């Protein structure tokens, strides 16, 4: 590994003092060790928070929609629940299929889903970060990449207002968290596809893009809207006439992705289940009317007030700074300049690429709020589990901007020949900010742990009692609501005939009805 000073080649040739050169050569390994220490600390801290969430998956128990999906998966099977969703529920066939897989073996699936999701997300983000650093000409530091991946996940799971729903409640994770995991891997597939030279391999990648997008279109409408905005923006920037892309391959991939999303949304919207669901809603103004748009804009402001009030999200930029700094430090001392490859495109195109996440997040978040308001009314914006669909690209953008800032800061301090204490203090400050952002999440993790474990114990005791009574022939058993995560439980309404949660609980236990204890 090179220990050359963090200076440009011209500055190195002008330096004739052996003592000065030795001091600079000694500075780079010290900063590298400091960055390794910061990266290792963040991996341990963020990894511990994510690991706690995975462990809490073992204490996940049914509530709200869980009850209905669980008995349908058991009694109807995977294909049966998929047909049921399409014909009588909401038309989300991919959502139903995945739900059938998760609940197909009783409650085991909901217990391991957080772990499976976290592992897949971690690996996907690390590989995506690797591609990003290589694009900038740097040498990807693996430890820093894992620090970024785990820190972004910790912020996603715990910085919001609905941690239980985002991580541990399977219906929400399948609808709003898992699509982002699939999206990251789809993006990696797209990068791999457009670089292939064999036409048959590219054709397979293009076909996979359409099929994956079609599935996501019937899995999650909010994610389809946000990912469609991103793909459309990238596709426009990838037009060969702008000279950012040399071939039509990136544009073709983006076009097929958007086509798949549109086809999936059409299948969902025209399904009998979606028509039935719309018929249950009271008549209201069109979602595109002036009044509804004004109300959606006010909801959008309320939502962003909640998001920006959580300063922990700055941790995403902080870990990005460390990544960029470490990647720049690991770049070959006499290799090509870090920014040389990016300067092959026009300056205005580079600016467009850097600014692309801004309209995607802004417009995507408004589309999410508009959809929530359409489906759930004026209070729909408070369904924070759906915010995940734009929070993931927001965090990725913050991390990417932080990486660019970190790379620039490393070169700036090198040109100014900053002393080792100054550089060390800068690295420590950035690492401290990232660690503080993770520390802010600890109370939320503690509350989530207490609530989840306590409820699991109470649920297990009640479940054992109900099953015993049902086995003895009881057809009407007592049930005590066990609330968690702001989700519905039986007796959420005084009209029992409209209590769909109680009806699903009864079907799960094979009895006629339940009454409140």
Protein backbone atom coordinates (compact mmCIF):
# COMPACT_ATOMS: atom_id res chain seq x y z
CA UNK A 1 0.00 0.00 0.00
CA UNK A 2 1.38 3.39 -0.97
CA UNK A 3 2.55 5.78 1.76
CA UNK A 4 3.17 8.74 -0.55
CA UNK A 5 2.17 12.15 0.83
CA UNK A 6 -1.33 13.43 0.17
CA UNK A 7 -0.06 16.02 -2.32
CA UNK A 8 -0.25 16.62 -6.04
CA UNK A 9 2.66 15.43 -8.14
CA UNK A 10 3.75 19.00 -8.86
CA UNK A 11 3.94 19.85 -5.18
CA UNK A 12 5.92 16.68 -4.57
CA UNK A 13 8.55 17.67 -7.17
CA UNK A 14 8.95 21.13 -5.63
CA UNK A 15 9.69 19.68 -2.24
CA UNK A 16 13.44 19.21 -1.80
CA UNK A 17 13.72 19.03 1.99
CA UNK A 18 14.18 15.40 3.09
CA UNK A 19 12.81 16.23 6.51
CA UNK A 20 9.64 17.83 5.13
CA UNK A 21 9.10 14.94 2.74
CA UNK A 22 9.53 12.44 5.56
CA UNK A 23 7.00 14.25 7.71
CA UNK A 24 4.43 14.21 4.89
CA UNK A 25 5.11 10.55 4.15
CA UNK A 26 4.50 9.78 7.80
CA UNK A 27 1.30 11.79 7.94
CA UNK A 28 -0.68 9.68 5.48
CA UNK A 29 -0.40 6.36 7.36
CA UNK A 30 -1.40 8.12 10.58
CA UNK A 31 -4.53 9.63 8.99
CA UNK A 32 -5.29 6.27 7.43
CA UNK A 33 -5.13 4.59 10.84
CA UNK A 34 -7.35 7.30 12.28
CA UNK A 35 -9.91 6.77 9.52
CA UNK A 36 -9.76 3.02 10.08
CA UNK A 37 -10.43 3.58 13.76
CA UNK A 38 -13.39 5.86 13.01
CA UNK A 39 -14.75 3.38 10.47
CA UNK A 40 -14.39 0.46 12.87
CA UNK A 41 -16.13 2.37 15.65
CA UNK A 42 -19.03 3.28 13.40
CA UNK A 43 -19.33 -0.29 12.10
CA UNK A 44 -19.53 -1.53 15.70
CA UNK A 45 -22.04 1.14 16.79
CA UNK A 46 -24.31 1.02 13.75
CA UNK A 47 -23.97 -2.75 13.48
CA UNK A 48 -25.09 -3.13 17.08
CA UNK A 49 -28.21 -1.03 16.45
CA UNK A 50 -29.11 -3.00 13.33
CA UNK A 51 -28.37 -6.29 15.12
CA UNK A 52 -30.78 -5.35 17.92
CA UNK A 53 -33.50 -4.85 15.33
CA UNK A 54 -32.77 -8.22 13.76
CA UNK A 55 -32.87 -9.86 17.20
CA UNK A 56 -36.19 -8.18 17.99
CA UNK A 57 -37.60 -9.91 14.92
CA UNK A 58 -37.71 -13.05 17.07
CA UNK A 59 -40.25 -11.22 19.26
CA UNK A 60 -42.49 -10.04 16.42
CA UNK A 61 -46.08 -11.17 16.92
CA UNK A 62 -49.24 -10.63 14.81
CA UNK A 63 -51.20 -7.40 15.01
CA UNK A 64 -53.51 -5.49 12.68
CA UNK A 65 -53.08 -6.73 9.06
CA UNK A 66 -50.92 -9.62 10.28
CA UNK A 67 -54.03 -11.47 11.45
CA UNK A 68 -55.70 -11.39 8.04
CA UNK A 69 -52.62 -12.20 5.98
CA UNK A 70 -51.66 -15.03 8.35
CA UNK A 71 -54.92 -16.95 8.13
CA UNK A 72 -55.26 -16.42 4.39
CA UNK A 73 -51.72 -17.65 3.75
CA UNK A 74 -52.40 -20.70 5.91
CA UNK A 75 -55.80 -21.57 4.45
CA UNK A 76 -55.47 -20.39 0.85
CA UNK A 77 -51.76 -20.89 0.14
CA UNK A 78 -49.47 -18.56 -1.78
CA UNK A 79 -51.45 -18.61 -5.02
CA UNK A 80 -54.74 -18.39 -3.14
CA UNK A 81 -53.84 -15.24 -1.25
CA UNK A 82 -52.41 -13.75 -4.44
CA UNK A 83 -55.73 -14.32 -6.19
CA UNK A 84 -57.59 -12.95 -3.16
CA UNK A 85 -55.60 -9.71 -3.16
CA UNK A 86 -56.17 -9.24 -6.89
CA UNK A 87 -59.90 -9.92 -6.85
CA UNK A 88 -61.12 -8.67 -3.46
CA UNK A 89 -58.48 -6.56 -1.66
CA UNK A 90 -56.26 -4.07 -3.48
CA UNK A 91 -54.74 -5.63 -6.60
CA UNK A 92 -51.20 -5.84 -5.20
CA UNK A 93 -50.39 -9.28 -6.55
CA UNK A 94 -46.63 -9.14 -5.91
CA UNK A 95 -47.34 -7.92 -2.38
CA UNK A 96 -49.70 -10.83 -1.82
CA UNK A 97 -47.24 -13.35 -3.27
CA UNK A 98 -44.42 -12.21 -0.98
CA UNK A 99 -46.82 -12.13 1.98
CA UNK A 100 -47.84 -15.69 1.20
CA UNK A 101 -44.19 -16.73 1.25
CA UNK A 102 -43.47 -14.92 4.52
CA UNK A 103 -46.55 -16.23 6.36
CA UNK A 104 -46.65 -19.59 4.61
CA UNK A 105 -44.92 -21.41 7.47
CA UNK A 106 -46.87 -19.95 10.35
CA UNK A 107 -45.20 -17.06 12.15
CA UNK A 108 -41.60 -18.10 11.47
CA UNK A 109 -41.36 -15.89 8.41
CA UNK A 110 -42.14 -12.64 10.21
CA UNK A 111 -39.44 -13.45 12.78
CA UNK A 112 -36.60 -13.86 10.31
CA UNK A 113 -37.73 -11.24 7.78
CA UNK A 114 -35.91 -8.33 9.52
CA UNK A 115 -32.64 -10.27 9.50
CA UNK A 116 -32.97 -11.35 5.86
CA UNK A 117 -33.83 -7.82 4.86
CA UNK A 118 -30.96 -6.24 6.84
CA UNK A 119 -28.36 -8.65 5.46
CA UNK A 120 -29.51 -8.15 1.87
CA UNK A 121 -29.65 -4.38 2.35
CA UNK A 122 -26.17 -4.28 3.87
CA UNK A 123 -24.55 -6.21 1.04
CA UNK A 124 -26.47 -4.26 -1.62
CA UNK A 125 -25.46 -0.87 -0.20
CA UNK A 126 -21.82 -1.93 0.14
CA UNK A 127 -21.70 -3.03 -3.51
CA UNK A 128 -23.48 0.14 -4.60
CA UNK A 129 -21.00 2.25 -2.63
CA UNK A 130 -18.16 0.30 -4.22
CA UNK A 131 -19.46 1.20 -7.67
CA UNK A 132 -19.85 4.86 -6.67
CA UNK A 133 -16.29 5.17 -5.36
CA UNK A 134 -14.88 3.41 -8.41
CA UNK A 135 -16.84 5.80 -10.64
CA UNK A 136 -15.03 8.69 -8.97
CA UNK A 137 -11.68 7.03 -9.54
CA UNK A 138 -11.04 6.10 -5.91
CA UNK A 139 -10.05 2.82 -4.30
CA UNK A 140 -13.09 1.68 -2.25
CA UNK A 141 -12.31 1.25 1.47
CA UNK A 142 -14.35 -1.79 2.56
CA UNK A 143 -14.57 -0.83 6.25
CA UNK A 144 -15.90 2.64 5.41
CA UNK A 145 -18.41 1.12 2.98
CA UNK A 146 -19.77 -1.15 5.71
CA UNK A 147 -19.90 1.79 8.11
CA UNK A 148 -22.00 3.74 5.60
CA UNK A 149 -24.28 0.80 4.86
CA UNK A 150 -25.02 0.02 8.51
CA UNK A 151 -25.33 3.67 9.54
CA UNK A 152 -27.83 4.40 6.76
CA UNK A 153 -29.90 1.43 7.85
CA UNK A 154 -29.83 2.43 11.51
CA UNK A 155 -31.08 5.90 10.56
CA UNK A 156 -33.77 4.45 8.31
CA UNK A 157 -35.08 2.06 10.97
CA UNK A 158 -34.90 4.22 14.09
CA UNK A 159 -34.77 7.93 13.18
CA UNK A 160 -38.41 8.08 12.10
CA UNK A 161 -41.61 8.03 14.10
CA UNK A 162 -42.70 4.44 13.29
CA UNK A 163 -39.69 2.21 13.95
CA UNK A 164 -41.79 -0.87 14.69
CA UNK A 165 -43.67 -0.59 11.42
CA UNK A 166 -40.57 0.09 9.30
CA UNK A 167 -38.56 -2.85 10.63
CA UNK A 168 -40.66 -5.40 12.52
CA UNK A 169 -44.22 -5.26 11.15
CA UNK A 170 -44.15 -7.53 8.11
CA UNK A 171 -47.04 -5.94 6.13
CA UNK A 172 -45.25 -2.57 6.22
CA UNK A 173 -41.76 -3.92 5.57
CA UNK A 174 -43.02 -5.89 2.58
CA UNK A 175 -44.83 -2.84 1.19
CA UNK A 176 -42.37 -0.05 1.98
CA UNK A 177 -38.97 -1.25 3.22
CA UNK A 178 -38.33 -4.35 1.14
CA UNK A 179 -38.94 -2.50 -2.17
CA UNK A 180 -35.92 -0.29 -1.42
CA UNK A 181 -33.80 -3.38 -0.85
CA UNK A 182 -34.97 -4.81 -4.17
CA UNK A 183 -34.39 -1.43 -5.79
CA UNK A 184 -30.74 -1.30 -4.69
CA UNK A 185 -30.07 -4.74 -6.15
CA UNK A 186 -31.97 -3.79 -9.32
CA UNK A 187 -29.73 -0.74 -9.66
CA UNK A 188 -26.67 -2.97 -9.36
CA UNK A 189 -28.19 -5.22 -12.03
CA UNK A 190 -28.65 -2.19 -14.26
CA UNK A 191 -25.03 -1.10 -13.83
CA UNK A 192 -23.88 -4.61 -14.64
CA UNK A 193 -26.20 -4.89 -17.65
CA UNK A 194 -25.20 -1.70 -19.45
CA UNK A 195 -21.52 -2.66 -19.20
CA UNK A 196 -21.94 -6.04 -20.92
CA UNK A 197 -20.57 -6.40 -24.42
CA UNK A 198 -22.55 -9.52 -25.37
CA UNK A 199 -25.97 -8.66 -26.80
CA UNK A 200 -27.63 -11.77 -25.36
CA UNK A 201 -26.47 -10.94 -21.84
CA UNK A 202 -27.69 -7.35 -22.16
CA UNK A 203 -31.04 -8.57 -23.48
CA UNK A 204 -31.42 -10.79 -20.42
CA UNK A 205 -30.62 -7.84 -18.16
CA UNK A 206 -33.11 -5.62 -19.96
CA UNK A 207 -35.81 -8.28 -19.67
CA UNK A 208 -35.06 -8.66 -15.96
CA UNK A 209 -35.39 -4.87 -15.52
CA UNK A 210 -38.87 -4.91 -17.02
CA UNK A 211 -40.01 -7.91 -14.98
CA UNK A 212 -38.63 -6.60 -11.68
CA UNK A 213 -40.19 -3.20 -12.29
CA UNK A 214 -43.51 -4.83 -13.17
CA UNK A 215 -43.43 -6.73 -9.89
CA UNK A 216 -42.59 -3.58 -7.93
CA UNK A 217 -45.46 -1.79 -9.63
CA UNK A 218 -47.82 -4.34 -8.08
CA UNK A 219 -45.92 -4.37 -4.78
CA UNK A 220 -45.80 -0.74 -3.68
CA UNK A 221 -47.29 2.29 -5.41
CA UNK A 222 -45.16 4.84 -3.47
CA UNK A 223 -41.93 3.09 -4.37
CA UNK A 224 -43.03 2.79 -7.99
CA UNK A 225 -43.56 6.56 -8.14
CA UNK A 226 -40.21 7.44 -6.53
CA UNK A 227 -38.15 4.90 -8.49
CA UNK A 228 -39.93 5.94 -11.68
CA UNK A 229 -38.90 9.56 -11.12
CA UNK A 230 -35.31 8.49 -10.56
CA UNK A 231 -35.23 6.23 -13.62
CA UNK A 232 -36.82 8.92 -15.80
CA UNK A 233 -34.25 11.47 -14.66
CA UNK A 234 -31.32 9.14 -15.22
CA UNK A 235 -32.73 8.10 -18.60
CA UNK A 236 -32.90 11.69 -19.80
CA UNK A 237 -29.37 12.42 -18.63
CA UNK A 238 -28.19 9.21 -20.31
CA UNK A 239 -29.20 10.37 -23.76
CA UNK A 240 -26.04 10.03 -25.89
CA UNK A 241 -26.40 13.54 -27.29
CA UNK A 242 -25.60 14.88 -23.80
CA UNK A 243 -22.33 12.90 -23.93
CA UNK A 244 -22.73 11.54 -20.41
CA UNK A 245 -23.35 8.06 -21.85
CA UNK A 246 -21.64 6.76 -24.95
CA UNK A 247 -24.33 4.22 -25.88
CA UNK A 248 -28.11 3.85 -25.70
CA UNK A 249 -27.83 1.04 -23.16
CA UNK A 250 -28.44 3.12 -19.99
CA UNK A 251 -31.38 4.91 -21.60
CA UNK A 252 -32.84 1.59 -22.76
CA UNK A 253 -32.57 0.10 -19.27
CA UNK A 254 -34.29 3.13 -17.70
CA UNK A 255 -37.01 3.12 -20.37
CA UNK A 256 -37.75 -0.56 -19.77
CA UNK A 257 -37.79 0.01 -16.01
CA UNK A 258 -40.33 2.82 -16.35
CA UNK A 259 -42.39 0.70 -18.77
CA UNK A 260 -42.46 -2.16 -16.29
CA UNK A 261 -43.58 0.15 -13.49
CA UNK A 262 -46.36 1.61 -15.64
CA UNK A 263 -47.61 -1.83 -16.69
CA UNK A 264 -47.59 -3.02 -13.10
CA UNK A 265 -49.50 0.03 -11.89
CA UNK A 266 -52.06 -0.42 -14.68
CA UNK A 267 -52.63 -4.05 -13.65
CA UNK A 268 -53.00 -2.95 -10.04
CA UNK A 269 -55.30 0.00 -10.73
CA UNK A 270 -57.63 -1.93 -13.04
CA UNK A 271 -57.87 -5.00 -10.78
CA UNK A 272 -61.25 -5.94 -9.26
CA UNK A 273 -59.71 -5.59 -5.80
CA UNK A 274 -58.58 -2.02 -6.43
CA UNK A 275 -62.00 -1.10 -7.84
CA UNK A 276 -63.66 -2.57 -4.76
CA UNK A 277 -61.32 -0.64 -2.47
CA UNK A 278 -62.02 2.65 -4.23
CA UNK A 279 -65.75 1.98 -3.94
CA UNK A 280 -65.45 1.81 -0.14
CA UNK A 281 -64.07 5.33 0.09
CA UNK A 282 -66.44 8.26 0.54
CA UNK A 283 -66.85 10.61 -2.38
CA UNK A 284 -64.34 13.45 -2.28
CA UNK A 285 -62.69 15.94 -4.58
CA UNK A 286 -60.33 14.70 -7.24
CA UNK A 287 -56.79 14.25 -5.96
CA UNK A 288 -55.69 16.74 -8.64
CA UNK A 289 -58.23 19.41 -7.69
CA UNK A 290 -56.99 22.73 -6.35
CA UNK A 291 -58.30 22.01 -2.85
CA UNK A 292 -56.72 18.57 -2.61
CA UNK A 293 -53.41 19.80 -4.02
CA UNK A 294 -53.38 22.64 -1.49
CA UNK A 295 -54.12 20.21 1.33
CA UNK A 296 -51.44 17.81 0.08
CA UNK A 297 -48.91 20.64 -0.01
CA UNK A 298 -49.70 21.53 3.60
CA UNK A 299 -49.36 17.86 4.57
CA UNK A 300 -46.05 17.75 2.70
CA UNK A 301 -44.77 20.69 4.73
CA UNK A 302 -45.85 19.01 7.98
CA UNK A 303 -44.07 15.82 6.95
CA UNK A 304 -40.83 17.58 6.09
CA UNK A 305 -41.04 19.54 9.34
CA UNK A 306 -41.00 16.18 11.11
CA UNK A 307 -38.11 14.84 9.01
CA UNK A 308 -35.90 17.92 9.25
CA UNK A 309 -36.56 18.09 12.97
CA UNK A 310 -34.56 14.86 13.31
CA UNK A 311 -30.98 16.09 12.98
CA UNK A 312 -29.67 12.51 13.19
CA UNK A 313 -30.11 12.27 9.42
CA UNK A 314 -26.98 14.43 9.16
CA UNK A 315 -25.16 11.29 10.21
CA UNK A 316 -25.68 10.01 6.65
CA UNK A 317 -23.62 12.93 5.33
CA UNK A 318 -21.01 12.50 8.07
CA UNK A 319 -20.30 8.84 7.27
CA UNK A 320 -20.18 9.84 3.61
CA UNK A 321 -17.44 12.37 4.38
CA UNK A 322 -15.38 9.65 6.03
CA UNK A 323 -15.96 7.40 3.01
CA UNK A 324 -14.83 10.06 0.55
CA UNK A 325 -11.82 10.96 2.65
CA UNK A 326 -10.74 7.34 3.03
CA UNK A 327 -11.33 6.61 -0.68
CA UNK A 328 -9.23 9.61 -1.71
CA UNK A 329 -6.47 8.61 0.68
CA UNK A 330 -6.38 5.10 -0.80
CA UNK A 331 -6.22 6.34 -4.40
CA UNK A 332 -2.95 5.53 -6.18
CA UNK A 333 -0.39 8.24 -5.49
CA UNK A 334 0.74 8.50 -9.14
CA UNK A 335 -2.48 7.33 -10.79
CA UNK A 336 -5.03 9.42 -12.67
CA UNK A 337 -6.62 12.35 -10.90
CA UNK A 338 -9.78 11.45 -9.03
CA UNK A 339 -11.98 13.78 -11.05
CA UNK A 340 -10.40 13.16 -14.45
CA UNK A 341 -13.00 10.63 -15.53
CA UNK A 342 -15.93 12.84 -14.59
CA UNK A 343 -14.53 15.84 -16.48
CA UNK A 344 -15.00 13.95 -19.75
CA UNK A 345 -18.63 15.12 -19.66
CA UNK A 346 -19.76 18.73 -20.04
CA UNK A 347 -19.87 20.79 -16.89
CA UNK A 348 -23.63 21.39 -17.12
CA UNK A 349 -24.27 17.65 -17.33
CA UNK A 350 -22.13 17.01 -14.25
CA UNK A 351 -24.10 19.64 -12.37
CA UNK A 352 -27.35 17.99 -13.49
CA UNK A 353 -26.14 14.62 -12.23
CA UNK A 354 -25.25 16.04 -8.83
CA UNK A 355 -28.56 17.87 -8.56
CA UNK A 356 -30.73 14.97 -9.79
CA UNK A 357 -31.43 13.57 -6.28
CA UNK A 358 -32.98 16.89 -5.22
CA UNK A 359 -36.01 16.86 -7.56
CA UNK A 360 -36.36 13.10 -7.11
CA UNK A 361 -36.64 13.42 -3.33
CA UNK A 362 -38.76 16.59 -3.41
CA UNK A 363 -41.21 15.41 -6.08
CA UNK A 364 -41.13 11.82 -4.84
CA UNK A 365 -42.01 12.84 -1.28
CA UNK A 366 -44.88 14.98 -2.57
CA UNK A 367 -46.15 12.06 -4.66
CA UNK A 368 -46.04 9.87 -1.54
CA UNK A 369 -48.05 12.42 0.44
CA UNK A 370 -50.54 12.79 -2.41
CA UNK A 371 -51.05 9.03 -2.51
CA UNK A 372 -51.44 8.79 1.26
CA UNK A 373 -53.97 11.60 1.28
CA UNK A 374 -55.90 9.90 -1.52
CA UNK A 375 -55.98 6.57 0.31
CA UNK A 376 -56.31 7.62 3.95
CA UNK A 377 -57.65 11.17 3.92
CA UNK A 378 -56.24 14.32 5.57
CA UNK A 379 -54.39 12.29 8.22
CA UNK A 380 -52.73 10.06 5.64
CA UNK A 381 -49.41 11.91 5.77
CA UNK A 382 -48.88 10.60 9.32
CA UNK A 383 -48.50 7.03 7.99
CA UNK A 384 -44.75 7.33 8.32
CA UNK A 385 -44.05 3.78 7.21
CA UNK A 386 -44.56 4.99 3.63
CA UNK A 387 -41.94 7.74 4.07
CA UNK A 388 -39.29 5.05 3.69
CA UNK A 389 -39.78 5.16 -0.08
CA UNK A 390 -38.18 8.61 -0.36
CA UNK A 391 -36.05 8.55 2.82
CA UNK A 392 -33.80 5.88 1.31
CA UNK A 393 -32.85 7.99 -1.74
CA UNK A 394 -32.55 11.03 0.55
CA UNK A 395 -30.06 9.23 2.80
CA UNK A 396 -28.14 7.89 -0.18
CA UNK A 397 -27.93 11.40 -1.63
CA UNK A 398 -26.69 12.83 1.69
CA UNK A 399 -24.07 10.10 1.87
CA UNK A 400 -22.96 10.71 -1.73
CA UNK A 401 -22.69 14.47 -1.18
CA UNK A 402 -20.74 13.79 1.99
CA UNK A 403 -18.35 11.53 0.07
CA UNK A 404 -17.72 14.27 -2.49
CA UNK A 405 -17.12 16.74 0.34
CA UNK A 406 -14.76 14.33 2.09
CA UNK A 407 -12.72 13.75 -1.05
CA UNK A 408 -12.47 17.50 -1.61
CA UNK A 409 -11.56 18.17 2.02
CA UNK A 410 -8.72 15.65 1.85
CA UNK A 411 -7.25 17.28 -1.25
CA UNK A 412 -7.77 20.79 0.17
CA UNK A 413 -5.93 20.04 3.40
CA UNK A 414 -3.18 18.34 1.43
CA UNK A 415 -2.68 21.36 -0.83
CA UNK A 416 -2.59 23.63 2.20
CA UNK A 417 -0.07 21.26 3.79
CA UNK A 418 -2.20 21.11 6.93
CA UNK A 419 -0.45 19.75 10.00
CA UNK A 420 -1.23 16.31 11.33
CA UNK A 421 -3.13 17.66 14.39
CA UNK A 422 -5.40 19.73 12.11
CA UNK A 423 -6.18 16.78 9.85
CA UNK A 424 -6.69 14.52 12.86
CA UNK A 425 -9.04 17.02 14.46
CA UNK A 426 -11.09 17.24 11.25
CA UNK A 427 -11.42 13.46 11.00
CA UNK A 428 -12.32 13.20 14.69
CA UNK A 429 -14.97 15.92 14.35
CA UNK A 430 -16.66 14.21 11.42
CA UNK A 431 -16.48 10.82 13.10
CA UNK A 432 -17.85 12.33 16.30
CA UNK A 433 -20.83 13.79 14.42
CA UNK A 434 -21.60 10.42 12.85
CA UNK A 435 -21.31 8.67 16.20
CA UNK A 436 -23.49 11.29 17.89
CA UNK A 437 -26.16 10.77 15.22
CA UNK A 438 -26.21 7.07 16.06
CA UNK A 439 -26.23 7.78 19.80
CA UNK A 440 -29.39 9.86 19.39
CA UNK A 441 -31.14 6.69 18.20
CA UNK A 442 -30.39 4.68 21.34
CA UNK A 443 -33.47 5.83 23.35
CA UNK A 444 -35.70 4.90 20.43
CA UNK A 445 -34.08 1.47 20.26
CA UNK A 446 -34.52 1.00 23.99
CA UNK A 447 -38.22 1.90 23.84
CA UNK A 448 -38.73 -0.38 20.85
CA UNK A 449 -36.98 -3.25 22.64
CA UNK A 450 -39.04 -2.87 25.80
CA UNK A 451 -42.35 -2.58 23.97
CA UNK A 452 -41.64 -5.50 21.60
CA UNK A 453 -40.36 -7.96 24.20
CA UNK A 454 -43.08 -7.09 26.73
CA UNK A 455 -45.83 -7.49 24.16
CA UNK A 456 -44.38 -10.77 22.90
CA UNK A 457 -44.54 -12.26 26.40
CA UNK A 458 -48.13 -11.09 26.89
CA UNK A 459 -49.11 -12.27 23.39
CA UNK A 460 -47.65 -15.73 23.93
CA UNK A 461 -49.56 -16.15 27.19
CA UNK A 462 -52.83 -15.03 25.62
CA UNK A 463 -52.26 -17.15 22.52
CA UNK A 464 -51.73 -20.25 24.68
CA UNK A 465 -54.94 -19.56 26.62
CA UNK A 466 -57.06 -18.98 23.50
CA UNK A 467 -55.77 -22.11 21.79
CA UNK A 468 -56.52 -24.15 24.91
CA UNK A 469 -60.08 -22.81 25.07
CA UNK A 470 -60.60 -23.37 21.33
CA UNK A 471 -59.35 -26.95 21.65
CA UNK A 472 -61.92 -27.49 24.40
CA UNK A 473 -64.73 -26.45 22.04
CA UNK A 474 -65.17 -22.78 22.90
CA UNK A 475 -66.55 -20.68 20.04
CA UNK A 476 -66.44 -17.27 21.75
CA UNK A 477 -63.26 -16.48 23.65
CA UNK A 478 -61.95 -13.42 25.45
CA UNK A 479 -59.22 -11.26 23.93
CA UNK A 480 -57.29 -8.41 25.48
CA UNK A 481 -55.97 -5.90 22.91
CA UNK A 482 -52.18 -5.66 22.91
CA UNK A 483 -51.26 -2.42 21.18
CA UNK A 484 -47.87 -1.67 19.64
CA UNK A 485 -46.47 0.65 17.00
CA UNK A 486 -49.67 2.66 16.59
CA UNK A 487 -51.36 -0.31 14.88
CA UNK A 488 -54.95 -1.52 15.08
CA UNK A 489 -56.04 -4.31 17.39
CA UNK A 490 -59.44 -5.99 17.85
CA UNK A 491 -62.22 -3.71 19.18
CA UNK A 492 -60.74 -0.64 17.50
CA UNK A 493 -64.39 0.20 16.69
CA UNK A 494 -67.53 -0.16 18.76
CA UNK A 495 -69.37 -1.77 15.82
CA UNK A 496 -68.29 -5.42 15.89
CA UNK A 497 -69.63 -6.14 12.41
CA UNK A 498 -67.11 -3.62 11.03
CA UNK A 499 -64.24 -4.86 13.16
CA UNK A 500 -62.15 -6.59 10.48
CA UNK A 501 -59.27 -7.19 12.91
CA UNK A 502 -61.49 -9.15 15.29
CA UNK A 503 -62.90 -11.14 12.37
CA UNK A 504 -59.40 -12.11 11.22
CA UNK A 505 -58.38 -13.07 14.77
CA UNK A 506 -61.41 -15.37 14.94
CA UNK A 507 -60.50 -17.00 11.63
CA UNK A 508 -56.90 -17.47 12.74
CA UNK A 509 -58.01 -19.37 15.86
CA UNK A 510 -60.88 -21.17 14.13
CA UNK A 511 -63.65 -19.78 16.36
CA UNK A 512 -66.83 -17.80 15.75
CA UNK A 513 -66.04 -14.56 17.56
CA UNK A 514 -64.04 -12.91 20.33
CA UNK A 515 -65.06 -10.55 23.11
CA UNK A 516 -63.05 -7.97 25.01
CA UNK A 517 -61.49 -8.93 28.32
